[in-house]
Amino acid sequence: MLLNASELSQTDMYKILIGSVAPRPIAWVGSRDTNGINNLAPFSFYNVFSSKPPIAGFSTIPRPDGRKKDTLHNVEQGRCFTLSCVSHSLVQQMSKSAATLEPEEDEFSYSGVTPAEAAHINAPFVKEALLVFECTLFDIIRLGEGPGSGNLILGEIQHIHIEDTLYTEGRIDFEKLDPVGRLAGNWYSTIRDKFELKRG
């Protein structure tokens, strides 16, 4: 079977992408609007792209009614955001924070997590998270118009919050971090079933 991507509907293309590019890490993004209202939202189009400068990026798509997501609006205005790692112990709260709330509603409160204040930027993060990046906006790349069109938000990591027992001799203990990844539908994955393979 050979599929022509240009002939697929946006929905079909989306389902192919999320079913084949997996597992995907989850960006749990904390931001704040100009009225001081906190926002928290998960995005599974997320990764890191550089270590010098340290750049992490995630993509937002418009709401179903065409409005831009609160996260995108807040980052455009405030030019900063946080990325809280989604450990398995926080997966229920992360899922709840994905609810489509209005801009004046606070997802931290709705999902039952505690907002903590970033040390060097004007954005909140999940206090319960074991690892958090504080980021300033590096760039926003518009990838299209209309439903399904992404806005790639790139942030430069300025400061990192790490739970003390996670960080030893310059390395992250990923078993203690216990991050989850996004699959398709309602499915998620963990890193608990893993194997080691040397390069080459």
N, C-alpha and C. Protein backbone atom coordinates (compact mmCIF):
# COMPACT_ATOMS: atom_id res chain seq x y z
N MET A 1 0.85 -1.19 0.00
CA MET A 1 0.00 0.00 0.00
C MET A 1 0.89 1.24 0.00
N LEU A 2 0.58 2.17 -0.87
CA LEU A 2 1.29 3.44 -0.93
C LEU A 2 0.27 4.55 -0.79
N LEU A 3 0.42 5.39 0.25
CA LEU A 3 -0.52 6.47 0.50
C LEU A 3 0.09 7.80 0.07
N ASN A 4 -0.69 8.58 -0.62
CA ASN A 4 -0.28 9.94 -1.00
C ASN A 4 -0.71 10.88 0.11
N ALA A 5 0.25 11.46 0.84
CA ALA A 5 -0.07 12.30 1.99
C ALA A 5 -0.97 13.47 1.62
N SER A 6 -0.79 14.02 0.42
CA SER A 6 -1.59 15.18 0.01
C SER A 6 -3.05 14.83 -0.22
N GLU A 7 -3.36 13.53 -0.37
CA GLU A 7 -4.73 13.11 -0.62
C GLU A 7 -5.45 12.65 0.65
N LEU A 8 -4.72 12.59 1.76
CA LEU A 8 -5.33 12.17 3.02
C LEU A 8 -6.01 13.35 3.71
N SER A 9 -7.09 13.06 4.42
CA SER A 9 -7.72 14.11 5.21
C SER A 9 -6.81 14.45 6.39
N GLN A 10 -7.04 15.61 6.98
CA GLN A 10 -6.24 16.01 8.14
C GLN A 10 -6.39 15.00 9.27
N THR A 11 -7.61 14.49 9.47
CA THR A 11 -7.85 13.52 10.54
C THR A 11 -7.10 12.22 10.28
N ASP A 12 -7.14 11.73 9.05
CA ASP A 12 -6.44 10.49 8.72
C ASP A 12 -4.93 10.66 8.85
N MET A 13 -4.42 11.81 8.40
CA MET A 13 -2.99 12.06 8.52
C MET A 13 -2.57 12.10 9.98
N TYR A 14 -3.37 12.74 10.81
CA TYR A 14 -3.08 12.84 12.25
C TYR A 14 -3.04 11.45 12.88
N LYS A 15 -4.00 10.61 12.55
CA LYS A 15 -4.05 9.26 13.13
C LYS A 15 -2.84 8.42 12.71
N ILE A 16 -2.39 8.59 11.47
CA ILE A 16 -1.20 7.88 11.03
C ILE A 16 0.02 8.36 11.80
N LEU A 17 0.15 9.66 11.97
CA LEU A 17 1.32 10.22 12.66
C LEU A 17 1.38 9.77 14.11
N ILE A 18 0.27 9.87 14.84
CA ILE A 18 0.33 9.53 16.27
C ILE A 18 0.42 8.03 16.49
N GLY A 19 0.02 7.25 15.47
CA GLY A 19 0.14 5.81 15.59
C GLY A 19 1.50 5.27 15.20
N SER A 20 2.28 6.07 14.49
CA SER A 20 3.57 5.60 14.01
C SER A 20 4.76 6.27 14.68
N VAL A 21 4.62 7.52 15.08
CA VAL A 21 5.69 8.21 15.80
C VAL A 21 5.39 8.07 17.29
N ALA A 22 5.90 7.00 17.89
CA ALA A 22 5.51 6.67 19.25
C ALA A 22 6.58 5.78 19.89
N PRO A 23 6.74 5.84 21.20
CA PRO A 23 6.05 6.76 22.11
C PRO A 23 6.61 8.17 21.99
N ARG A 24 5.77 9.14 22.30
CA ARG A 24 6.19 10.54 22.24
C ARG A 24 6.25 11.10 23.65
N PRO A 25 7.34 11.81 23.99
CA PRO A 25 7.39 12.45 25.31
C PRO A 25 6.30 13.51 25.41
N ILE A 26 5.98 13.89 26.63
CA ILE A 26 4.89 14.84 26.87
C ILE A 26 5.44 16.13 27.46
N ALA A 27 5.19 17.23 26.77
CA ALA A 27 5.53 18.55 27.29
C ALA A 27 4.36 19.01 28.16
N TRP A 28 4.59 19.15 29.45
CA TRP A 28 3.54 19.65 30.36
C TRP A 28 3.87 21.11 30.60
N VAL A 29 3.21 21.97 29.86
CA VAL A 29 3.64 23.37 29.73
C VAL A 29 2.89 24.28 30.70
N GLY A 30 3.66 25.00 31.50
CA GLY A 30 3.10 26.01 32.38
C GLY A 30 3.34 27.39 31.81
N SER A 31 2.29 28.21 31.79
CA SER A 31 2.42 29.58 31.28
C SER A 31 1.46 30.48 32.05
N ARG A 32 1.54 31.78 31.77
CA ARG A 32 0.70 32.75 32.49
C ARG A 32 0.30 33.86 31.53
N ASP A 33 -0.96 34.28 31.61
CA ASP A 33 -1.40 35.37 30.74
C ASP A 33 -1.12 36.72 31.38
N THR A 34 -1.42 37.77 30.63
CA THR A 34 -1.09 39.11 31.10
C THR A 34 -1.94 39.55 32.29
N ASN A 35 -3.03 38.82 32.56
CA ASN A 35 -3.86 39.11 33.74
C ASN A 35 -3.43 38.30 34.96
N GLY A 36 -2.36 37.52 34.80
CA GLY A 36 -1.85 36.74 35.92
C GLY A 36 -2.52 35.39 36.12
N ILE A 37 -3.31 34.93 35.12
CA ILE A 37 -3.99 33.64 35.23
C ILE A 37 -3.06 32.54 34.73
N ASN A 38 -2.89 31.52 35.56
CA ASN A 38 -2.01 30.40 35.22
C ASN A 38 -2.68 29.45 34.23
N ASN A 39 -1.85 28.83 33.40
CA ASN A 39 -2.33 27.83 32.45
C ASN A 39 -1.39 26.63 32.49
N LEU A 40 -1.96 25.45 32.37
CA LEU A 40 -1.18 24.21 32.34
C LEU A 40 -1.79 23.29 31.29
N ALA A 41 -0.96 22.79 30.36
CA ALA A 41 -1.49 21.95 29.29
C ALA A 41 -0.43 20.98 28.80
N PRO A 42 -0.83 19.74 28.46
CA PRO A 42 0.11 18.77 27.91
C PRO A 42 0.09 18.76 26.38
N PHE A 43 1.27 18.54 25.81
CA PHE A 43 1.41 18.44 24.35
C PHE A 43 2.35 17.28 24.04
N SER A 44 1.93 16.40 23.12
CA SER A 44 2.75 15.23 22.83
C SER A 44 3.55 15.36 21.54
N PHE A 45 3.51 16.49 20.89
CA PHE A 45 4.44 16.77 19.80
C PHE A 45 5.57 17.57 20.44
N TYR A 46 6.58 16.86 20.98
CA TYR A 46 7.56 17.47 21.88
C TYR A 46 8.89 16.73 21.79
N ASN A 47 9.98 17.50 21.83
CA ASN A 47 11.30 16.89 21.91
C ASN A 47 12.35 17.96 22.19
N VAL A 48 13.63 17.53 22.24
CA VAL A 48 14.75 18.46 22.38
C VAL A 48 15.53 18.46 21.07
N PHE A 49 16.16 19.59 20.76
CA PHE A 49 16.76 19.76 19.43
C PHE A 49 18.19 20.26 19.45
N SER A 50 18.68 20.66 20.60
CA SER A 50 20.04 21.18 20.68
C SER A 50 20.46 21.17 22.15
N SER A 51 21.78 20.97 22.38
CA SER A 51 22.28 21.07 23.75
C SER A 51 23.11 22.32 23.98
N LYS A 52 23.53 22.99 22.90
CA LYS A 52 24.24 24.26 23.03
C LYS A 52 23.87 25.15 21.86
N PRO A 53 22.90 26.05 22.00
CA PRO A 53 22.12 26.29 23.22
C PRO A 53 21.13 25.15 23.47
N PRO A 54 20.73 24.96 24.74
CA PRO A 54 19.77 23.89 25.05
C PRO A 54 18.36 24.30 24.62
N ILE A 55 17.86 23.63 23.59
CA ILE A 55 16.57 23.99 23.00
C ILE A 55 15.59 22.82 23.10
N ALA A 56 14.43 23.09 23.65
CA ALA A 56 13.32 22.14 23.66
C ALA A 56 12.18 22.75 22.87
N GLY A 57 11.39 21.90 22.23
CA GLY A 57 10.29 22.43 21.43
C GLY A 57 9.05 21.57 21.51
N PHE A 58 7.91 22.21 21.37
CA PHE A 58 6.64 21.50 21.31
C PHE A 58 5.74 22.25 20.34
N SER A 59 4.70 21.58 19.89
CA SER A 59 3.81 22.18 18.90
C SER A 59 2.37 22.21 19.39
N THR A 60 1.71 23.33 19.15
CA THR A 60 0.29 23.46 19.47
C THR A 60 -0.51 23.56 18.17
N ILE A 61 -1.72 23.06 18.20
CA ILE A 61 -2.64 23.23 17.09
C ILE A 61 -3.83 24.04 17.59
N PRO A 62 -4.61 24.65 16.69
CA PRO A 62 -5.75 25.45 17.15
C PRO A 62 -6.79 24.62 17.90
N ARG A 63 -7.58 25.30 18.73
CA ARG A 63 -8.74 24.67 19.35
C ARG A 63 -9.70 24.20 18.26
N PRO A 64 -10.65 23.31 18.61
CA PRO A 64 -11.63 22.86 17.60
C PRO A 64 -12.42 24.01 16.96
N ASP A 65 -12.62 25.11 17.72
CA ASP A 65 -13.38 26.23 17.15
C ASP A 65 -12.49 27.21 16.38
N GLY A 66 -11.21 26.88 16.23
CA GLY A 66 -10.30 27.71 15.44
C GLY A 66 -9.46 28.70 16.24
N ARG A 67 -9.82 28.93 17.50
CA ARG A 67 -9.04 29.85 18.33
C ARG A 67 -7.68 29.24 18.66
N LYS A 68 -6.69 30.11 18.85
CA LYS A 68 -5.39 29.59 19.25
C LYS A 68 -5.44 29.10 20.69
N LYS A 69 -4.63 28.12 21.01
CA LYS A 69 -4.58 27.58 22.36
C LYS A 69 -4.08 28.66 23.33
N ASP A 70 -4.54 28.58 24.58
CA ASP A 70 -4.10 29.54 25.59
C ASP A 70 -2.58 29.53 25.74
N THR A 71 -1.99 28.34 25.65
CA THR A 71 -0.53 28.24 25.80
C THR A 71 0.17 29.09 24.75
N LEU A 72 -0.22 28.97 23.50
CA LEU A 72 0.41 29.75 22.44
C LEU A 72 0.23 31.23 22.70
N HIS A 73 -0.97 31.63 23.05
CA HIS A 73 -1.24 33.05 23.33
C HIS A 73 -0.35 33.55 24.46
N ASN A 74 -0.25 32.78 25.54
CA ASN A 74 0.53 33.20 26.69
C ASN A 74 2.02 33.29 26.37
N VAL A 75 2.53 32.32 25.61
CA VAL A 75 3.95 32.33 25.26
C VAL A 75 4.26 33.50 24.33
N GLU A 76 3.36 33.79 23.41
CA GLU A 76 3.55 34.95 22.53
C GLU A 76 3.65 36.23 23.34
N GLN A 77 2.83 36.35 24.37
CA GLN A 77 2.80 37.57 25.18
C GLN A 77 3.95 37.60 26.19
N GLY A 78 4.14 36.50 26.92
CA GLY A 78 5.11 36.49 28.01
C GLY A 78 6.51 36.06 27.63
N ARG A 79 6.63 35.38 26.48
CA ARG A 79 7.92 34.96 25.93
C ARG A 79 8.70 34.04 26.88
N CYS A 80 7.96 33.19 27.59
CA CYS A 80 8.59 32.21 28.47
C CYS A 80 7.57 31.12 28.81
N PHE A 81 8.07 29.99 29.34
CA PHE A 81 7.20 28.90 29.76
C PHE A 81 8.02 27.90 30.55
N THR A 82 7.34 27.00 31.26
CA THR A 82 8.01 25.91 31.95
C THR A 82 7.60 24.58 31.33
N LEU A 83 8.45 23.58 31.50
CA LEU A 83 8.17 22.22 31.05
C LEU A 83 8.35 21.29 32.25
N SER A 84 7.25 20.77 32.77
CA SER A 84 7.29 19.84 33.90
C SER A 84 7.24 18.42 33.37
N CYS A 85 8.16 17.58 33.84
CA CYS A 85 8.19 16.18 33.40
C CYS A 85 6.99 15.43 33.95
N VAL A 86 6.36 14.61 33.09
CA VAL A 86 5.21 13.81 33.51
C VAL A 86 5.71 12.44 33.94
N SER A 87 5.90 12.27 35.24
CA SER A 87 6.21 10.96 35.79
C SER A 87 4.92 10.15 35.89
N HIS A 88 5.07 8.82 35.98
CA HIS A 88 3.89 7.96 36.03
C HIS A 88 2.97 8.33 37.18
N SER A 89 3.52 8.78 38.29
CA SER A 89 2.70 9.14 39.45
C SER A 89 1.82 10.36 39.20
N LEU A 90 2.09 11.11 38.13
CA LEU A 90 1.32 12.32 37.83
C LEU A 90 0.47 12.19 36.57
N VAL A 91 0.36 10.98 36.03
CA VAL A 91 -0.28 10.84 34.73
C VAL A 91 -1.78 11.18 34.78
N GLN A 92 -2.45 10.87 35.87
CA GLN A 92 -3.88 11.20 35.96
C GLN A 92 -4.09 12.71 35.97
N GLN A 93 -3.26 13.42 36.72
CA GLN A 93 -3.37 14.88 36.78
C GLN A 93 -3.03 15.50 35.43
N MET A 94 -2.03 14.94 34.76
CA MET A 94 -1.68 15.45 33.43
C MET A 94 -2.86 15.30 32.48
N SER A 95 -3.49 14.12 32.49
CA SER A 95 -4.62 13.89 31.60
C SER A 95 -5.76 14.87 31.90
N LYS A 96 -6.01 15.11 33.16
CA LYS A 96 -7.09 16.03 33.52
C LYS A 96 -6.79 17.45 33.06
N SER A 97 -5.51 17.83 33.07
CA SER A 97 -5.15 19.19 32.66
C SER A 97 -5.34 19.41 31.16
N ALA A 98 -5.59 18.34 30.41
CA ALA A 98 -5.82 18.48 28.97
C ALA A 98 -7.24 18.94 28.65
N ALA A 99 -8.08 19.07 29.64
CA ALA A 99 -9.47 19.51 29.40
C ALA A 99 -9.49 20.87 28.71
N THR A 100 -10.46 21.06 27.84
CA THR A 100 -10.58 22.33 27.12
C THR A 100 -11.32 23.34 28.00
N LEU A 101 -10.55 24.09 28.76
CA LEU A 101 -11.12 25.11 29.64
C LEU A 101 -11.02 26.47 28.97
N GLU A 102 -11.77 27.42 29.49
CA GLU A 102 -11.70 28.79 28.98
C GLU A 102 -10.47 29.49 29.55
N PRO A 103 -10.00 30.56 28.89
CA PRO A 103 -8.76 31.22 29.32
C PRO A 103 -8.75 31.67 30.77
N GLU A 104 -9.90 32.01 31.32
CA GLU A 104 -9.94 32.49 32.71
C GLU A 104 -9.93 31.37 33.73
N GLU A 105 -9.96 30.12 33.29
CA GLU A 105 -9.96 28.98 34.20
C GLU A 105 -8.54 28.44 34.39
N ASP A 106 -8.25 27.97 35.59
CA ASP A 106 -6.90 27.55 35.98
C ASP A 106 -6.79 26.03 35.98
N GLU A 107 -5.99 25.47 35.06
CA GLU A 107 -5.83 24.02 34.96
C GLU A 107 -5.06 23.43 36.13
N PHE A 108 -4.23 24.21 36.80
CA PHE A 108 -3.55 23.70 37.99
C PHE A 108 -4.58 23.28 39.03
N SER A 109 -5.50 24.18 39.31
CA SER A 109 -6.55 23.91 40.28
C SER A 109 -7.46 22.78 39.80
N TYR A 110 -7.83 22.82 38.53
CA TYR A 110 -8.75 21.83 37.97
C TYR A 110 -8.17 20.42 38.03
N SER A 111 -6.87 20.29 37.77
CA SER A 111 -6.25 18.97 37.71
C SER A 111 -5.71 18.50 39.05
N GLY A 112 -5.71 19.38 40.06
CA GLY A 112 -5.29 18.96 41.40
C GLY A 112 -3.80 18.95 41.64
N VAL A 113 -3.06 19.80 40.92
CA VAL A 113 -1.63 19.94 41.18
C VAL A 113 -1.35 21.34 41.73
N THR A 114 -0.18 21.49 42.32
CA THR A 114 0.17 22.74 42.98
C THR A 114 1.02 23.62 42.07
N PRO A 115 0.61 24.88 41.84
CA PRO A 115 1.47 25.76 41.05
C PRO A 115 2.64 26.26 41.90
N ALA A 116 3.83 26.16 41.35
CA ALA A 116 5.02 26.72 41.98
C ALA A 116 5.57 27.81 41.07
N GLU A 117 6.25 28.77 41.65
CA GLU A 117 6.75 29.90 40.88
C GLU A 117 8.14 29.61 40.35
N ALA A 118 8.33 29.81 39.05
CA ALA A 118 9.66 29.66 38.47
C ALA A 118 10.62 30.65 39.12
N ALA A 119 11.88 30.27 39.17
CA ALA A 119 12.87 31.10 39.85
C ALA A 119 13.26 32.33 39.05
N HIS A 120 13.25 32.24 37.71
CA HIS A 120 13.82 33.32 36.91
C HIS A 120 12.93 33.79 35.76
N ILE A 121 11.75 33.21 35.60
CA ILE A 121 10.83 33.66 34.56
C ILE A 121 9.43 33.79 35.16
N ASN A 122 8.56 34.49 34.45
CA ASN A 122 7.19 34.72 34.93
C ASN A 122 6.27 33.62 34.42
N ALA A 123 6.43 32.43 35.01
CA ALA A 123 5.60 31.29 34.62
C ALA A 123 5.56 30.30 35.77
N PRO A 124 4.44 29.57 35.92
CA PRO A 124 4.32 28.56 36.98
C PRO A 124 4.78 27.20 36.48
N PHE A 125 5.06 26.31 37.41
CA PHE A 125 5.32 24.91 37.07
C PHE A 125 4.64 24.01 38.09
N VAL A 126 4.62 22.71 37.82
CA VAL A 126 3.98 21.74 38.69
C VAL A 126 4.93 21.42 39.84
N LYS A 127 4.54 21.82 41.04
CA LYS A 127 5.41 21.63 42.21
C LYS A 127 5.73 20.16 42.43
N GLU A 128 4.79 19.27 42.13
CA GLU A 128 4.97 17.85 42.36
C GLU A 128 5.90 17.18 41.34
N ALA A 129 6.23 17.88 40.26
CA ALA A 129 7.08 17.30 39.22
C ALA A 129 8.51 17.12 39.74
N LEU A 130 9.16 16.05 39.32
CA LEU A 130 10.52 15.74 39.77
C LEU A 130 11.59 16.47 38.96
N LEU A 131 11.22 16.93 37.77
CA LEU A 131 12.17 17.64 36.91
C LEU A 131 11.40 18.70 36.12
N VAL A 132 11.95 19.91 36.08
CA VAL A 132 11.28 21.03 35.41
C VAL A 132 12.32 21.87 34.67
N PHE A 133 12.01 22.27 33.44
CA PHE A 133 12.82 23.22 32.70
C PHE A 133 12.15 24.59 32.74
N GLU A 134 12.93 25.62 33.03
CA GLU A 134 12.48 27.00 32.84
C GLU A 134 13.02 27.48 31.50
N CYS A 135 12.13 27.94 30.62
CA CYS A 135 12.51 28.29 29.26
C CYS A 135 12.12 29.72 28.90
N THR A 136 12.98 30.36 28.15
CA THR A 136 12.62 31.61 27.49
C THR A 136 12.38 31.31 26.02
N LEU A 137 11.50 32.08 25.41
CA LEU A 137 11.13 31.81 24.01
C LEU A 137 12.32 32.04 23.08
N PHE A 138 12.60 31.05 22.26
CA PHE A 138 13.65 31.14 21.25
C PHE A 138 13.05 31.51 19.90
N ASP A 139 11.95 30.84 19.54
CA ASP A 139 11.31 31.13 18.26
C ASP A 139 9.96 30.43 18.21
N ILE A 140 9.07 30.93 17.38
CA ILE A 140 7.81 30.26 17.04
C ILE A 140 7.76 30.11 15.53
N ILE A 141 7.62 28.90 15.06
CA ILE A 141 7.56 28.63 13.63
C ILE A 141 6.14 28.20 13.27
N ARG A 142 5.47 29.01 12.44
CA ARG A 142 4.11 28.71 12.01
C ARG A 142 4.18 27.70 10.86
N LEU A 143 3.48 26.60 11.00
CA LEU A 143 3.58 25.52 10.03
C LEU A 143 2.38 25.40 9.11
N GLY A 144 1.44 26.32 9.20
CA GLY A 144 0.28 26.26 8.32
C GLY A 144 -0.88 27.04 8.89
N GLU A 145 -2.02 26.89 8.27
CA GLU A 145 -3.25 27.55 8.70
C GLU A 145 -4.36 26.51 8.81
N GLY A 146 -5.28 26.72 9.72
CA GLY A 146 -6.46 25.86 9.80
C GLY A 146 -6.27 24.67 10.71
N PRO A 147 -7.27 23.79 10.75
CA PRO A 147 -7.26 22.63 11.65
C PRO A 147 -6.03 21.75 11.46
N GLY A 148 -5.41 21.39 12.57
CA GLY A 148 -4.25 20.50 12.52
C GLY A 148 -2.93 21.17 12.21
N SER A 149 -2.96 22.46 11.90
CA SER A 149 -1.72 23.16 11.56
C SER A 149 -0.96 23.53 12.82
N GLY A 150 0.29 23.13 12.90
CA GLY A 150 1.07 23.33 14.11
C GLY A 150 1.74 24.69 14.21
N ASN A 151 2.03 25.04 15.44
CA ASN A 151 2.87 26.18 15.76
C ASN A 151 3.99 25.64 16.63
N LEU A 152 5.19 25.53 16.05
CA LEU A 152 6.32 24.95 16.75
C LEU A 152 6.94 26.01 17.66
N ILE A 153 6.82 25.79 18.96
CA ILE A 153 7.34 26.73 19.96
C ILE A 153 8.68 26.18 20.45
N LEU A 154 9.74 26.94 20.22
CA LEU A 154 11.07 26.55 20.65
C LEU A 154 11.49 27.41 21.83
N GLY A 155 11.95 26.76 22.89
CA GLY A 155 12.37 27.48 24.09
C GLY A 155 13.81 27.15 24.44
N GLU A 156 14.53 28.15 24.91
CA GLU A 156 15.89 27.93 25.39
C GLU A 156 15.83 27.67 26.89
N ILE A 157 16.34 26.52 27.31
CA ILE A 157 16.30 26.13 28.72
C ILE A 157 17.31 26.99 29.48
N GLN A 158 16.81 27.71 30.47
CA GLN A 158 17.66 28.60 31.25
C GLN A 158 18.01 28.02 32.62
N HIS A 159 17.07 27.35 33.24
CA HIS A 159 17.30 26.76 34.56
C HIS A 159 16.55 25.43 34.65
N ILE A 160 17.09 24.53 35.47
CA ILE A 160 16.53 23.19 35.61
C ILE A 160 16.31 22.88 37.08
N HIS A 161 15.09 22.50 37.43
CA HIS A 161 14.79 22.03 38.78
C HIS A 161 14.84 20.50 38.75
N ILE A 162 15.65 19.90 39.61
CA ILE A 162 15.75 18.44 39.66
C ILE A 162 15.66 17.99 41.12
N GLU A 163 14.81 17.01 41.36
CA GLU A 163 14.75 16.40 42.69
C GLU A 163 16.12 15.78 42.99
N ASP A 164 16.65 16.08 44.18
CA ASP A 164 18.05 15.76 44.49
C ASP A 164 18.45 14.32 44.18
N THR A 165 17.61 13.37 44.52
CA THR A 165 18.00 11.96 44.36
C THR A 165 18.00 11.50 42.90
N LEU A 166 17.50 12.34 41.99
CA LEU A 166 17.47 11.98 40.57
C LEU A 166 18.80 12.22 39.87
N TYR A 167 19.62 13.10 40.44
CA TYR A 167 20.80 13.60 39.70
C TYR A 167 22.07 13.18 40.41
N THR A 168 22.83 12.27 39.79
CA THR A 168 24.07 11.77 40.39
C THR A 168 25.15 11.70 39.33
N GLU A 169 26.29 12.30 39.62
CA GLU A 169 27.45 12.27 38.72
C GLU A 169 27.09 12.73 37.31
N GLY A 170 26.28 13.77 37.24
CA GLY A 170 25.94 14.36 35.96
C GLY A 170 24.91 13.61 35.14
N ARG A 171 24.25 12.62 35.73
CA ARG A 171 23.27 11.83 34.99
C ARG A 171 21.92 11.81 35.71
N ILE A 172 20.87 11.71 34.91
CA ILE A 172 19.51 11.59 35.42
C ILE A 172 19.19 10.11 35.65
N ASP A 173 18.65 9.78 36.79
CA ASP A 173 18.18 8.43 37.07
C ASP A 173 16.77 8.30 36.49
N PHE A 174 16.69 7.77 35.27
CA PHE A 174 15.38 7.76 34.61
C PHE A 174 14.43 6.74 35.20
N GLU A 175 14.95 5.77 35.94
CA GLU A 175 14.04 4.84 36.61
C GLU A 175 13.28 5.55 37.73
N LYS A 176 13.96 6.43 38.46
CA LYS A 176 13.28 7.21 39.49
C LYS A 176 12.38 8.27 38.87
N LEU A 177 12.83 8.83 37.76
CA LEU A 177 12.00 9.84 37.07
C LEU A 177 10.72 9.20 36.55
N ASP A 178 10.82 7.97 36.03
CA ASP A 178 9.66 7.17 35.61
C ASP A 178 8.73 7.93 34.66
N PRO A 179 9.26 8.49 33.56
CA PRO A 179 8.42 9.28 32.66
C PRO A 179 7.47 8.41 31.84
N VAL A 180 6.40 9.02 31.40
CA VAL A 180 5.44 8.33 30.53
C VAL A 180 5.51 8.94 29.13
N GLY A 181 5.12 8.14 28.14
CA GLY A 181 5.07 8.60 26.76
C GLY A 181 3.67 8.42 26.20
N ARG A 182 3.39 9.17 25.17
CA ARG A 182 2.07 9.16 24.54
C ARG A 182 2.06 8.22 23.35
N LEU A 183 1.03 7.41 23.26
CA LEU A 183 0.79 6.58 22.09
C LEU A 183 -0.44 7.13 21.38
N ALA A 184 -1.18 6.31 20.68
CA ALA A 184 -2.40 6.76 20.01
C ALA A 184 -3.61 6.46 20.89
N GLY A 185 -4.73 7.11 20.58
CA GLY A 185 -5.96 6.88 21.33
C GLY A 185 -5.80 7.24 22.79
N ASN A 186 -6.24 6.35 23.67
CA ASN A 186 -6.10 6.57 25.11
C ASN A 186 -4.88 5.87 25.70
N TRP A 187 -3.94 5.47 24.85
CA TRP A 187 -2.82 4.65 25.30
C TRP A 187 -1.58 5.49 25.61
N TYR A 188 -0.89 5.05 26.68
CA TYR A 188 0.38 5.64 27.11
C TYR A 188 1.39 4.52 27.31
N SER A 189 2.65 4.89 27.46
CA SER A 189 3.69 3.90 27.72
C SER A 189 4.59 4.39 28.85
N THR A 190 5.33 3.45 29.42
CA THR A 190 6.36 3.79 30.40
C THR A 190 7.70 3.32 29.85
N ILE A 191 8.78 3.58 30.61
CA ILE A 191 10.10 3.10 30.20
C ILE A 191 10.49 1.86 30.98
N ARG A 192 9.54 1.25 31.66
CA ARG A 192 9.88 0.15 32.56
C ARG A 192 10.32 -1.12 31.83
N ASP A 193 9.84 -1.32 30.63
CA ASP A 193 10.26 -2.46 29.82
C ASP A 193 11.29 -1.93 28.82
N LYS A 194 12.56 -2.06 29.15
CA LYS A 194 13.60 -1.46 28.33
C LYS A 194 14.72 -2.47 28.10
N PHE A 195 15.58 -2.16 27.12
CA PHE A 195 16.74 -3.01 26.86
C PHE A 195 17.92 -2.13 26.48
N GLU A 196 19.11 -2.67 26.64
CA GLU A 196 20.32 -1.94 26.31
C GLU A 196 20.93 -2.50 25.04
N LEU A 197 21.41 -1.60 24.18
CA LEU A 197 22.03 -2.00 22.92
C LEU A 197 23.15 -1.02 22.59
N LYS A 198 24.38 -1.54 22.48
CA LYS A 198 25.50 -0.67 22.16
C LYS A 198 25.46 -0.28 20.70
N ARG A 199 25.96 0.93 20.41
CA ARG A 199 25.96 1.41 19.04
C ARG A 199 26.87 0.57 18.15
N GLY A 200 26.46 0.48 16.87
CA GLY A 200 27.34 -0.15 15.90
C GLY A 200 27.09 -1.63 15.72
